[in-house]
């Protein structure tokens, strides 16, 4: 099998497994576990790519990094084109915005919260700003979930898959009462058979 997912437990690479299950592309998983003390990826990933991060995939020896790029690559080359709106349409522009939002704007305050949580009282001066930014980004997402439960169109898109991670973070932080549409979105994602297959194959994933 030529397509390999280098998969880190409790990480954003879970979305890549879900995507592959949705499109039905054959793949294999190489597993990595976070360090129990630092929660960082193990050094073995450095042997695959200098940044030592997951997700990354190998396809016939070609290494592809970055969740959004991997998602676009798999949709284009491995049968997921139906998950991407037609180019030239307004929905495709929205798709591009959300794909970049998921790993750009949304992840900045999420990562800041994760990192500063280790600082204790030393993080107090910037905590109000982090909290404000988390609320701003989650509120924006909440306002854009359609009545059909999706961010774009009437069915699952690659953007939905990318947005599942920040939405899950909001719910894991106990914000479901504040963002009920995001909570419903997460439940929709987790209810899909492909997500459940990916979760079973991928292992530990934030208690889900």
N, C-alpha and C. Protein backbone atom coordinates (compact mmCIF):
# COMPACT_ATOMS: atom_id res chain seq x y z
N UNK A 1 0.85 -1.20 0.00
CA UNK A 1 0.00 0.00 0.00
C UNK A 1 0.88 1.24 0.00
N UNK A 2 0.60 2.18 -0.88
CA UNK A 2 1.51 3.30 -1.05
C UNK A 2 1.18 4.49 -0.17
N UNK A 3 -0.07 4.62 0.31
CA UNK A 3 -0.47 5.78 1.08
C UNK A 3 -0.35 5.47 2.58
N UNK A 4 0.49 6.24 3.26
CA UNK A 4 0.75 6.03 4.68
C UNK A 4 0.40 7.31 5.44
N UNK A 5 -0.38 7.18 6.50
CA UNK A 5 -0.67 8.30 7.39
C UNK A 5 0.18 8.15 8.64
N UNK A 6 1.02 9.12 8.91
CA UNK A 6 1.80 9.14 10.14
C UNK A 6 0.93 9.81 11.20
N UNK A 7 0.40 8.99 12.09
CA UNK A 7 -0.71 9.39 12.95
C UNK A 7 -0.26 9.48 14.41
N UNK A 8 -0.47 10.68 14.98
CA UNK A 8 -0.16 10.93 16.38
C UNK A 8 -1.45 10.85 17.19
N UNK A 9 -1.40 10.14 18.31
CA UNK A 9 -2.60 10.04 19.14
C UNK A 9 -3.03 11.42 19.65
N UNK A 10 -4.33 11.59 19.85
CA UNK A 10 -4.89 12.86 20.34
C UNK A 10 -4.38 14.05 19.53
N UNK A 11 -4.58 13.98 18.24
CA UNK A 11 -4.07 15.07 17.39
C UNK A 11 -4.99 15.31 16.19
N UNK A 12 -4.62 16.36 15.46
CA UNK A 12 -5.39 16.74 14.29
C UNK A 12 -5.29 15.72 13.16
N UNK A 13 -4.38 14.79 13.26
CA UNK A 13 -4.29 13.78 12.20
C UNK A 13 -5.51 12.86 12.19
N UNK A 14 -6.31 12.89 13.28
CA UNK A 14 -7.55 12.11 13.29
C UNK A 14 -8.45 12.52 12.13
N UNK A 15 -8.42 13.81 11.78
CA UNK A 15 -9.26 14.28 10.66
C UNK A 15 -8.85 13.63 9.35
N UNK A 16 -7.57 13.37 9.18
CA UNK A 16 -7.10 12.77 7.93
C UNK A 16 -7.59 11.33 7.82
N UNK A 17 -7.58 10.61 8.94
CA UNK A 17 -8.13 9.25 8.93
C UNK A 17 -9.61 9.29 8.58
N UNK A 18 -10.32 10.25 9.17
CA UNK A 18 -11.76 10.38 8.86
C UNK A 18 -11.98 10.67 7.38
N UNK A 19 -11.21 11.60 6.84
CA UNK A 19 -11.35 11.93 5.42
C UNK A 19 -11.12 10.69 4.56
N UNK A 20 -10.10 9.93 4.85
CA UNK A 20 -9.79 8.74 4.06
C UNK A 20 -10.90 7.70 4.16
N UNK A 21 -11.50 7.59 5.34
CA UNK A 21 -12.62 6.67 5.48
C UNK A 21 -13.83 7.16 4.69
N UNK A 22 -14.04 8.46 4.64
CA UNK A 22 -15.16 9.00 3.88
C UNK A 22 -15.00 8.71 2.38
N UNK A 23 -13.79 8.90 1.87
CA UNK A 23 -13.60 8.74 0.43
C UNK A 23 -13.28 7.31 0.02
N UNK A 24 -13.04 6.47 1.02
CA UNK A 24 -12.81 5.05 0.73
C UNK A 24 -11.48 4.74 0.11
N UNK A 25 -10.49 5.59 0.33
CA UNK A 25 -9.15 5.34 -0.22
C UNK A 25 -8.37 4.39 0.69
N UNK A 26 -7.69 3.42 0.12
CA UNK A 26 -6.89 2.50 0.95
C UNK A 26 -5.68 3.22 1.53
N UNK A 27 -5.36 2.91 2.78
CA UNK A 27 -4.21 3.52 3.43
C UNK A 27 -3.75 2.64 4.59
N UNK A 28 -2.57 2.92 5.06
CA UNK A 28 -2.10 2.28 6.28
C UNK A 28 -1.68 3.35 7.27
N UNK A 29 -1.62 2.98 8.54
CA UNK A 29 -1.31 3.93 9.60
C UNK A 29 0.01 3.56 10.26
N UNK A 30 0.87 4.55 10.43
CA UNK A 30 2.04 4.39 11.27
C UNK A 30 1.78 5.21 12.54
N UNK A 31 1.76 4.54 13.68
CA UNK A 31 1.34 5.15 14.93
C UNK A 31 2.50 5.77 15.69
N UNK A 32 2.19 6.91 16.34
CA UNK A 32 3.14 7.58 17.23
C UNK A 32 2.37 8.01 18.47
N UNK A 33 3.04 7.96 19.63
CA UNK A 33 2.41 8.37 20.87
C UNK A 33 3.09 9.61 21.44
N UNK A 34 2.29 10.49 21.99
CA UNK A 34 2.82 11.69 22.63
C UNK A 34 3.63 11.33 23.88
N UNK A 35 4.62 12.16 24.19
CA UNK A 35 5.37 11.99 25.41
C UNK A 35 4.44 12.22 26.60
N UNK A 36 4.47 11.30 27.56
CA UNK A 36 3.54 11.37 28.68
C UNK A 36 3.76 12.60 29.56
N UNK A 37 4.97 13.15 29.55
CA UNK A 37 5.28 14.31 30.39
C UNK A 37 5.08 15.62 29.65
N UNK A 38 5.63 15.71 28.45
CA UNK A 38 5.58 16.97 27.70
C UNK A 38 4.38 17.09 26.79
N UNK A 39 3.73 15.97 26.48
CA UNK A 39 2.60 15.91 25.54
C UNK A 39 3.03 16.22 24.11
N UNK A 40 4.33 16.23 23.85
CA UNK A 40 4.83 16.53 22.52
C UNK A 40 4.95 15.26 21.68
N UNK A 41 5.04 15.45 20.38
CA UNK A 41 5.24 14.32 19.47
C UNK A 41 6.62 13.70 19.71
N UNK A 42 6.76 12.42 19.48
CA UNK A 42 8.05 11.77 19.72
C UNK A 42 9.07 12.13 18.65
N UNK A 43 10.36 12.00 18.97
CA UNK A 43 11.41 12.36 18.01
C UNK A 43 11.42 11.49 16.75
N UNK A 44 10.77 10.34 16.81
CA UNK A 44 10.75 9.47 15.63
C UNK A 44 10.13 10.15 14.41
N UNK A 45 9.23 11.09 14.65
CA UNK A 45 8.63 11.80 13.52
C UNK A 45 9.63 12.67 12.78
N UNK A 46 10.71 13.05 13.47
CA UNK A 46 11.75 13.85 12.82
C UNK A 46 12.43 13.08 11.70
N UNK A 47 12.36 11.77 11.76
CA UNK A 47 12.97 10.96 10.71
C UNK A 47 12.17 11.03 9.42
N UNK A 48 10.91 11.47 9.52
CA UNK A 48 10.05 11.56 8.35
C UNK A 48 10.05 12.97 7.78
N UNK A 49 10.06 13.96 8.68
CA UNK A 49 10.06 15.37 8.25
C UNK A 49 10.77 16.20 9.31
N UNK A 50 11.55 17.21 8.91
CA UNK A 50 12.35 17.98 9.87
C UNK A 50 11.54 18.66 10.97
N UNK A 51 10.27 18.96 10.74
CA UNK A 51 9.46 19.59 11.78
C UNK A 51 8.95 18.59 12.81
N UNK A 52 8.96 17.32 12.46
CA UNK A 52 8.56 16.30 13.42
C UNK A 52 7.12 16.42 13.89
N UNK A 53 6.22 16.84 13.00
CA UNK A 53 4.83 17.05 13.37
C UNK A 53 3.90 16.10 12.64
N UNK A 54 2.73 15.92 13.22
CA UNK A 54 1.67 15.14 12.59
C UNK A 54 0.44 16.03 12.52
N UNK A 55 -0.40 15.92 11.45
CA UNK A 55 -0.36 14.86 10.46
C UNK A 55 0.63 15.12 9.34
N UNK A 56 1.05 14.03 8.78
CA UNK A 56 1.73 14.05 7.49
C UNK A 56 1.46 12.72 6.84
N UNK A 57 1.52 12.73 5.53
CA UNK A 57 1.29 11.50 4.79
C UNK A 57 2.45 11.26 3.85
N UNK A 58 2.60 10.00 3.45
CA UNK A 58 3.51 9.62 2.38
C UNK A 58 2.69 8.93 1.31
N UNK A 59 2.83 9.40 0.09
CA UNK A 59 2.10 8.82 -1.03
C UNK A 59 3.11 8.49 -2.12
N UNK A 60 3.37 7.20 -2.28
CA UNK A 60 4.42 6.76 -3.20
C UNK A 60 5.75 7.46 -2.90
N UNK A 61 6.02 7.64 -1.61
CA UNK A 61 7.28 8.23 -1.18
C UNK A 61 7.27 9.73 -1.04
N UNK A 62 6.25 10.41 -1.59
CA UNK A 62 6.16 11.86 -1.50
C UNK A 62 5.54 12.25 -0.17
N UNK A 63 6.27 13.03 0.64
CA UNK A 63 5.76 13.48 1.92
C UNK A 63 4.94 14.75 1.72
N UNK A 64 3.73 14.76 2.30
CA UNK A 64 2.87 15.94 2.26
C UNK A 64 2.55 16.31 3.70
N UNK A 65 2.77 17.60 4.06
CA UNK A 65 2.50 18.07 5.41
C UNK A 65 1.38 19.12 5.40
N UNK A 66 0.96 19.51 6.59
CA UNK A 66 -0.08 20.50 6.83
C UNK A 66 -1.48 19.93 6.54
N UNK A 67 -2.33 20.01 7.55
CA UNK A 67 -3.66 19.39 7.45
C UNK A 67 -4.45 19.85 6.24
N UNK A 68 -4.48 21.16 6.00
CA UNK A 68 -5.24 21.67 4.87
C UNK A 68 -4.70 21.20 3.54
N UNK A 69 -3.38 21.23 3.41
CA UNK A 69 -2.76 20.78 2.16
C UNK A 69 -3.00 19.29 1.94
N UNK A 70 -2.90 18.51 3.01
CA UNK A 70 -3.16 17.07 2.91
C UNK A 70 -4.61 16.82 2.48
N UNK A 71 -5.52 17.56 3.08
CA UNK A 71 -6.94 17.40 2.74
C UNK A 71 -7.19 17.73 1.28
N UNK A 72 -6.65 18.84 0.80
CA UNK A 72 -6.81 19.20 -0.60
C UNK A 72 -6.18 18.15 -1.51
N UNK A 73 -5.02 17.68 -1.13
CA UNK A 73 -4.29 16.68 -1.93
C UNK A 73 -5.10 15.39 -2.05
N UNK A 74 -5.62 14.92 -0.92
CA UNK A 74 -6.36 13.67 -0.94
C UNK A 74 -7.67 13.81 -1.72
N UNK A 75 -8.31 14.97 -1.59
CA UNK A 75 -9.56 15.18 -2.35
C UNK A 75 -9.28 15.19 -3.85
N UNK A 76 -8.15 15.77 -4.23
CA UNK A 76 -7.83 15.88 -5.65
C UNK A 76 -7.34 14.56 -6.24
N UNK A 77 -6.57 13.80 -5.48
CA UNK A 77 -5.88 12.64 -6.06
C UNK A 77 -6.40 11.28 -5.60
N UNK A 78 -7.25 11.28 -4.60
CA UNK A 78 -7.69 9.99 -4.07
C UNK A 78 -9.21 9.88 -3.93
N UNK A 79 -9.93 10.57 -4.79
CA UNK A 79 -11.36 10.32 -4.90
C UNK A 79 -12.25 11.17 -4.01
N UNK A 80 -11.73 12.26 -3.46
CA UNK A 80 -12.56 13.09 -2.60
C UNK A 80 -13.04 14.37 -3.26
N UNK A 81 -13.00 14.43 -4.57
CA UNK A 81 -13.40 15.64 -5.26
C UNK A 81 -14.82 16.10 -4.96
N UNK A 82 -15.69 15.14 -4.64
CA UNK A 82 -17.08 15.49 -4.35
C UNK A 82 -17.22 16.27 -3.05
N UNK A 83 -16.16 16.30 -2.24
CA UNK A 83 -16.17 17.03 -0.98
C UNK A 83 -15.74 18.49 -1.14
N UNK A 84 -15.37 18.87 -2.35
CA UNK A 84 -14.91 20.23 -2.64
C UNK A 84 -15.89 20.89 -3.61
N UNK A 85 -16.43 22.05 -3.26
CA UNK A 85 -17.35 22.74 -4.19
C UNK A 85 -16.68 23.06 -5.51
N UNK A 86 -17.49 23.19 -6.54
CA UNK A 86 -16.99 23.46 -7.88
C UNK A 86 -16.24 24.79 -7.93
N UNK A 87 -15.08 24.76 -8.55
CA UNK A 87 -14.29 26.00 -8.68
C UNK A 87 -15.07 27.05 -9.46
N UNK A 88 -14.88 28.29 -9.07
CA UNK A 88 -15.57 29.39 -9.72
C UNK A 88 -16.90 29.75 -9.07
N UNK A 89 -17.33 28.97 -8.09
CA UNK A 89 -18.58 29.24 -7.40
C UNK A 89 -18.32 29.96 -6.09
N UNK A 90 -19.37 30.59 -5.56
CA UNK A 90 -19.26 31.24 -4.25
C UNK A 90 -18.94 30.22 -3.16
N UNK A 91 -19.52 29.02 -3.30
CA UNK A 91 -19.25 27.98 -2.30
C UNK A 91 -17.77 27.60 -2.29
N UNK A 92 -17.12 27.63 -3.45
CA UNK A 92 -15.70 27.30 -3.48
C UNK A 92 -14.88 28.37 -2.78
N UNK A 93 -15.26 29.63 -2.93
CA UNK A 93 -14.58 30.70 -2.21
C UNK A 93 -14.74 30.50 -0.70
N UNK A 94 -15.96 30.16 -0.28
CA UNK A 94 -16.20 29.88 1.13
C UNK A 94 -15.36 28.69 1.61
N UNK A 95 -15.28 27.69 0.75
CA UNK A 95 -14.45 26.52 1.06
C UNK A 95 -13.00 26.93 1.33
N UNK A 96 -12.45 27.76 0.48
CA UNK A 96 -11.08 28.22 0.67
C UNK A 96 -10.93 28.99 1.98
N UNK A 97 -11.90 29.85 2.27
CA UNK A 97 -11.84 30.62 3.52
C UNK A 97 -11.85 29.70 4.74
N UNK A 98 -12.77 28.75 4.74
CA UNK A 98 -12.88 27.88 5.90
C UNK A 98 -11.69 26.93 6.04
N UNK A 99 -11.16 26.46 4.94
CA UNK A 99 -9.99 25.58 5.01
C UNK A 99 -8.82 26.29 5.68
N UNK A 100 -8.62 27.57 5.33
CA UNK A 100 -7.53 28.33 5.93
C UNK A 100 -7.87 28.79 7.35
N UNK A 101 -9.12 29.12 7.59
CA UNK A 101 -9.56 29.52 8.92
C UNK A 101 -9.30 28.42 9.95
N UNK A 102 -9.59 27.18 9.57
CA UNK A 102 -9.49 26.07 10.51
C UNK A 102 -8.09 25.91 11.10
N UNK A 103 -7.07 26.11 10.28
CA UNK A 103 -5.70 25.94 10.75
C UNK A 103 -4.99 27.27 10.98
N UNK A 104 -5.59 28.36 10.54
CA UNK A 104 -4.97 29.67 10.71
C UNK A 104 -5.59 30.41 11.87
N UNK A 105 -6.65 31.15 11.60
CA UNK A 105 -7.27 31.98 12.63
C UNK A 105 -7.72 31.20 13.86
N UNK A 106 -8.43 30.10 13.65
CA UNK A 106 -9.02 29.38 14.77
C UNK A 106 -7.98 28.76 15.69
N UNK A 107 -6.90 28.24 15.12
CA UNK A 107 -5.94 27.51 15.94
C UNK A 107 -5.04 28.42 16.76
N UNK A 108 -4.92 29.70 16.41
CA UNK A 108 -4.03 30.58 17.17
C UNK A 108 -4.45 30.71 18.63
N UNK A 109 -5.68 31.13 18.94
CA UNK A 109 -6.06 31.20 20.36
C UNK A 109 -6.15 29.84 21.03
N UNK A 110 -6.51 28.80 20.26
CA UNK A 110 -6.57 27.46 20.85
C UNK A 110 -5.20 27.03 21.34
N UNK A 111 -4.18 27.22 20.50
CA UNK A 111 -2.83 26.84 20.89
C UNK A 111 -2.31 27.72 22.02
N UNK A 112 -2.64 29.00 21.99
CA UNK A 112 -2.22 29.87 23.09
C UNK A 112 -2.80 29.39 24.41
N UNK A 113 -4.05 28.98 24.42
CA UNK A 113 -4.66 28.46 25.65
C UNK A 113 -3.95 27.19 26.12
N UNK A 114 -3.62 26.32 25.18
CA UNK A 114 -2.93 25.08 25.53
C UNK A 114 -1.56 25.37 26.12
N UNK A 115 -0.81 26.27 25.47
CA UNK A 115 0.55 26.56 25.93
C UNK A 115 0.56 27.30 27.26
N UNK A 116 -0.31 28.30 27.41
CA UNK A 116 -0.29 29.09 28.63
C UNK A 116 -0.85 28.33 29.83
N UNK A 117 -1.60 27.27 29.57
CA UNK A 117 -2.13 26.47 30.68
C UNK A 117 -1.01 25.89 31.53
N UNK A 118 0.17 25.75 30.95
CA UNK A 118 1.32 25.21 31.69
C UNK A 118 2.04 26.29 32.51
N UNK A 119 1.65 27.54 32.33
CA UNK A 119 2.35 28.63 33.01
C UNK A 119 1.73 29.03 34.34
N UNK A 120 0.52 28.57 34.60
CA UNK A 120 -0.14 28.93 35.85
C UNK A 120 -0.40 30.43 35.93
N UNK A 121 -0.11 31.02 37.09
CA UNK A 121 -0.37 32.44 37.31
C UNK A 121 0.42 33.35 36.38
N UNK A 122 1.52 32.86 35.85
CA UNK A 122 2.33 33.68 34.95
C UNK A 122 1.57 34.06 33.69
N UNK A 123 0.55 33.29 33.35
CA UNK A 123 -0.22 33.56 32.13
C UNK A 123 -1.36 34.53 32.36
N UNK A 124 -1.58 34.95 33.61
CA UNK A 124 -2.73 35.80 33.95
C UNK A 124 -2.84 37.06 33.11
N UNK A 125 -1.74 37.77 32.79
CA UNK A 125 -1.89 39.02 32.03
C UNK A 125 -2.49 38.84 30.63
N UNK A 126 -2.29 37.68 30.01
CA UNK A 126 -2.80 37.51 28.65
C UNK A 126 -4.05 36.63 28.58
N UNK A 127 -4.48 36.07 29.72
CA UNK A 127 -5.65 35.20 29.70
C UNK A 127 -6.91 35.91 29.22
N UNK A 128 -7.18 37.14 29.63
CA UNK A 128 -8.40 37.80 29.12
C UNK A 128 -8.41 37.93 27.60
N UNK A 129 -7.26 38.21 27.01
CA UNK A 129 -7.18 38.34 25.56
C UNK A 129 -7.40 36.99 24.89
N UNK A 130 -6.83 35.95 25.43
CA UNK A 130 -7.02 34.61 24.86
C UNK A 130 -8.50 34.23 24.94
N UNK A 131 -9.11 34.48 26.09
CA UNK A 131 -10.53 34.15 26.27
C UNK A 131 -11.39 34.92 25.28
N UNK A 132 -11.09 36.20 25.10
CA UNK A 132 -11.85 37.02 24.16
C UNK A 132 -11.71 36.49 22.74
N UNK A 133 -10.51 36.10 22.36
CA UNK A 133 -10.28 35.60 21.01
C UNK A 133 -10.92 34.23 20.78
N UNK A 134 -10.89 33.37 21.78
CA UNK A 134 -11.59 32.10 21.65
C UNK A 134 -13.08 32.33 21.44
N UNK A 135 -13.66 33.22 22.24
CA UNK A 135 -15.08 33.49 22.10
C UNK A 135 -15.39 34.09 20.73
N UNK A 136 -14.52 34.99 20.25
CA UNK A 136 -14.75 35.61 18.95
C UNK A 136 -14.75 34.58 17.83
N UNK A 137 -13.80 33.66 17.87
CA UNK A 137 -13.69 32.68 16.79
C UNK A 137 -14.79 31.61 16.88
N UNK A 138 -15.08 31.15 18.09
CA UNK A 138 -16.14 30.16 18.23
C UNK A 138 -17.51 30.77 17.92
N UNK A 139 -17.72 32.03 18.29
CA UNK A 139 -18.98 32.70 17.99
C UNK A 139 -19.14 32.86 16.48
N UNK A 140 -18.05 33.18 15.81
CA UNK A 140 -18.10 33.30 14.36
C UNK A 140 -18.48 31.96 13.72
N UNK A 141 -17.86 30.88 14.18
CA UNK A 141 -18.22 29.57 13.67
C UNK A 141 -19.68 29.26 13.95
N UNK A 142 -20.12 29.53 15.16
CA UNK A 142 -21.51 29.27 15.55
C UNK A 142 -22.48 29.98 14.61
N UNK A 143 -22.14 31.19 14.24
CA UNK A 143 -23.04 31.99 13.39
C UNK A 143 -23.08 31.51 11.95
N UNK A 144 -22.12 30.69 11.57
CA UNK A 144 -22.02 30.27 10.16
C UNK A 144 -22.43 28.82 9.92
N UNK A 145 -22.77 28.09 10.96
CA UNK A 145 -23.28 26.73 10.74
C UNK A 145 -24.67 26.84 10.15
N UNK A 146 -24.88 26.20 9.02
CA UNK A 146 -26.18 26.28 8.36
C UNK A 146 -27.25 25.49 9.09
N UNK A 147 -28.50 25.74 8.73
CA UNK A 147 -29.61 25.02 9.33
C UNK A 147 -29.52 23.52 9.04
N UNK A 148 -28.78 23.18 7.97
CA UNK A 148 -28.60 21.77 7.62
C UNK A 148 -27.43 21.13 8.36
N UNK A 149 -26.77 21.89 9.23
CA UNK A 149 -25.69 21.34 10.03
C UNK A 149 -24.32 21.42 9.40
N UNK A 150 -24.21 22.03 8.22
CA UNK A 150 -22.94 22.12 7.51
C UNK A 150 -22.52 23.58 7.35
N UNK A 151 -21.24 23.77 7.11
CA UNK A 151 -20.73 25.12 6.90
C UNK A 151 -20.89 25.58 5.46
N UNK A 152 -20.87 24.63 4.52
CA UNK A 152 -21.00 24.96 3.10
C UNK A 152 -21.98 23.97 2.46
N UNK A 153 -22.93 24.47 1.73
CA UNK A 153 -23.81 23.58 0.99
C UNK A 153 -24.70 22.74 1.87
N UNK A 154 -25.21 21.66 1.27
CA UNK A 154 -26.20 20.81 1.94
C UNK A 154 -25.67 19.46 2.36
N UNK A 155 -24.37 19.24 2.17
CA UNK A 155 -23.81 17.94 2.54
C UNK A 155 -22.39 18.13 3.06
N UNK A 156 -21.81 17.05 3.53
CA UNK A 156 -20.47 17.11 4.10
C UNK A 156 -19.47 17.63 3.07
N UNK A 157 -18.59 18.51 3.53
CA UNK A 157 -17.53 19.03 2.68
C UNK A 157 -16.18 18.83 3.37
N UNK A 158 -15.11 19.01 2.61
CA UNK A 158 -13.78 18.95 3.19
C UNK A 158 -13.61 20.02 4.25
N UNK A 159 -14.26 21.17 4.06
CA UNK A 159 -14.19 22.23 5.06
C UNK A 159 -14.81 21.79 6.38
N UNK A 160 -15.93 21.06 6.32
CA UNK A 160 -16.53 20.52 7.55
C UNK A 160 -15.53 19.65 8.29
N UNK A 161 -14.83 18.81 7.56
CA UNK A 161 -13.86 17.92 8.19
C UNK A 161 -12.75 18.72 8.85
N UNK A 162 -12.26 19.75 8.17
CA UNK A 162 -11.22 20.59 8.76
C UNK A 162 -11.73 21.34 10.00
N UNK A 163 -12.97 21.82 9.95
CA UNK A 163 -13.52 22.61 11.04
C UNK A 163 -13.93 21.75 12.23
N UNK A 164 -13.98 20.45 12.05
CA UNK A 164 -14.40 19.59 13.16
C UNK A 164 -13.46 19.72 14.36
N UNK A 165 -12.16 19.92 14.12
CA UNK A 165 -11.23 19.96 15.25
C UNK A 165 -11.45 21.19 16.13
N UNK A 166 -11.45 22.43 15.59
CA UNK A 166 -11.73 23.55 16.49
C UNK A 166 -13.10 23.47 17.13
N UNK A 167 -14.09 22.92 16.43
CA UNK A 167 -15.41 22.75 17.03
C UNK A 167 -15.35 21.78 18.20
N UNK A 168 -14.61 20.69 18.05
CA UNK A 168 -14.45 19.73 19.14
C UNK A 168 -13.77 20.37 20.35
N UNK A 169 -12.78 21.22 20.08
CA UNK A 169 -12.10 21.90 21.18
C UNK A 169 -13.09 22.74 21.98
N UNK A 170 -13.95 23.47 21.28
CA UNK A 170 -14.95 24.29 21.97
C UNK A 170 -15.83 23.43 22.88
N UNK A 171 -16.26 22.28 22.38
CA UNK A 171 -17.14 21.42 23.16
C UNK A 171 -16.37 20.78 24.31
N UNK A 172 -15.13 20.38 24.07
CA UNK A 172 -14.32 19.77 25.14
C UNK A 172 -14.04 20.77 26.25
N UNK A 173 -14.04 22.05 25.94
CA UNK A 173 -13.82 23.07 26.95
C UNK A 173 -15.11 23.46 27.66
N UNK A 174 -16.16 22.68 27.47
CA UNK A 174 -17.41 22.88 28.18
C UNK A 174 -18.28 24.00 27.65
N UNK A 175 -18.11 24.35 26.37
CA UNK A 175 -18.82 25.49 25.81
C UNK A 175 -20.06 25.12 25.02
N UNK A 176 -20.50 23.88 25.10
CA UNK A 176 -21.68 23.46 24.34
C UNK A 176 -22.91 24.33 24.63
N UNK A 177 -23.18 24.71 25.89
CA UNK A 177 -24.36 25.55 26.13
C UNK A 177 -24.28 26.92 25.43
N UNK A 178 -23.06 27.43 25.26
CA UNK A 178 -22.90 28.73 24.60
C UNK A 178 -22.94 28.61 23.08
N UNK A 179 -22.54 27.45 22.58
CA UNK A 179 -22.48 27.25 21.13
C UNK A 179 -23.24 25.98 20.75
N UNK A 180 -24.56 26.01 20.86
CA UNK A 180 -25.34 24.79 20.60
C UNK A 180 -25.24 24.29 19.18
N UNK A 181 -25.09 25.19 18.20
CA UNK A 181 -24.99 24.73 16.82
C UNK A 181 -23.66 24.04 16.58
N UNK A 182 -22.60 24.51 17.24
CA UNK A 182 -21.32 23.79 17.14
C UNK A 182 -21.42 22.43 17.80
N UNK A 183 -22.14 22.35 18.91
CA UNK A 183 -22.33 21.06 19.57
C UNK A 183 -23.07 20.09 18.66
N UNK A 184 -24.10 20.58 17.99
CA UNK A 184 -24.84 19.73 17.05
C UNK A 184 -23.95 19.33 15.87
N UNK A 185 -23.11 20.25 15.43
CA UNK A 185 -22.19 19.95 14.33
C UNK A 185 -21.23 18.84 14.73
N UNK A 186 -20.67 18.93 15.93
CA UNK A 186 -19.76 17.88 16.40
C UNK A 186 -20.49 16.55 16.49
N UNK A 187 -21.70 16.55 17.02
CA UNK A 187 -22.47 15.31 17.10
C UNK A 187 -22.73 14.73 15.72
N UNK A 188 -23.01 15.60 14.75
CA UNK A 188 -23.22 15.13 13.38
C UNK A 188 -21.96 14.46 12.86
N UNK A 189 -20.81 15.11 13.06
CA UNK A 189 -19.55 14.53 12.60
C UNK A 189 -19.31 13.17 13.23
N UNK A 190 -19.48 13.10 14.53
CA UNK A 190 -19.18 11.86 15.26
C UNK A 190 -20.19 10.76 14.96
N UNK A 191 -21.35 11.14 14.46
CA UNK A 191 -22.35 10.15 14.12
C UNK A 191 -22.13 9.49 12.77
N UNK A 192 -21.22 10.02 11.98
CA UNK A 192 -20.99 9.46 10.66
C UNK A 192 -20.21 8.14 10.78
N UNK A 193 -20.63 7.10 10.08
CA UNK A 193 -19.92 5.82 10.15
C UNK A 193 -18.44 5.94 9.83
N UNK A 194 -18.09 6.81 8.89
CA UNK A 194 -16.68 6.97 8.52
C UNK A 194 -15.89 7.55 9.69
N UNK A 195 -16.47 8.49 10.43
CA UNK A 195 -15.77 9.05 11.60
C UNK A 195 -15.56 7.95 12.64
N UNK A 196 -16.57 7.14 12.84
CA UNK A 196 -16.48 6.08 13.84
C UNK A 196 -15.44 5.03 13.45
N UNK A 197 -15.37 4.71 12.17
CA UNK A 197 -14.33 3.77 11.72
C UNK A 197 -12.94 4.37 11.94
N UNK A 198 -12.80 5.66 11.61
CA UNK A 198 -11.51 6.32 11.79
C UNK A 198 -11.13 6.37 13.27
N UNK A 199 -12.08 6.64 14.13
CA UNK A 199 -11.81 6.67 15.57
C UNK A 199 -11.37 5.30 16.07
N UNK A 200 -12.00 4.26 15.59
CA UNK A 200 -11.63 2.90 16.00
C UNK A 200 -10.22 2.55 15.54
N UNK A 201 -9.87 2.95 14.33
CA UNK A 201 -8.55 2.65 13.79
C UNK A 201 -7.47 3.52 14.41
N UNK A 202 -7.81 4.79 14.69
CA UNK A 202 -6.80 5.74 15.13
C UNK A 202 -6.43 5.67 16.59
N UNK A 203 -7.32 5.11 17.42
CA UNK A 203 -7.00 5.02 18.83
C UNK A 203 -7.38 6.25 19.62
N UNK A 204 -6.67 6.49 20.72
CA UNK A 204 -7.04 7.55 21.67
C UNK A 204 -7.24 8.89 20.98
N UNK A 205 -8.38 9.52 21.32
CA UNK A 205 -8.69 10.81 20.72
C UNK A 205 -9.50 11.65 21.70
N UNK A 206 -8.84 12.28 22.61
CA UNK A 206 -9.44 13.25 23.53
C UNK A 206 -10.71 12.75 24.23
N UNK A 207 -10.77 11.50 24.51
CA UNK A 207 -11.90 10.97 25.25
C UNK A 207 -13.15 10.70 24.44
N UNK A 208 -13.11 11.00 23.13
CA UNK A 208 -14.27 10.72 22.28
C UNK A 208 -14.33 9.25 21.94
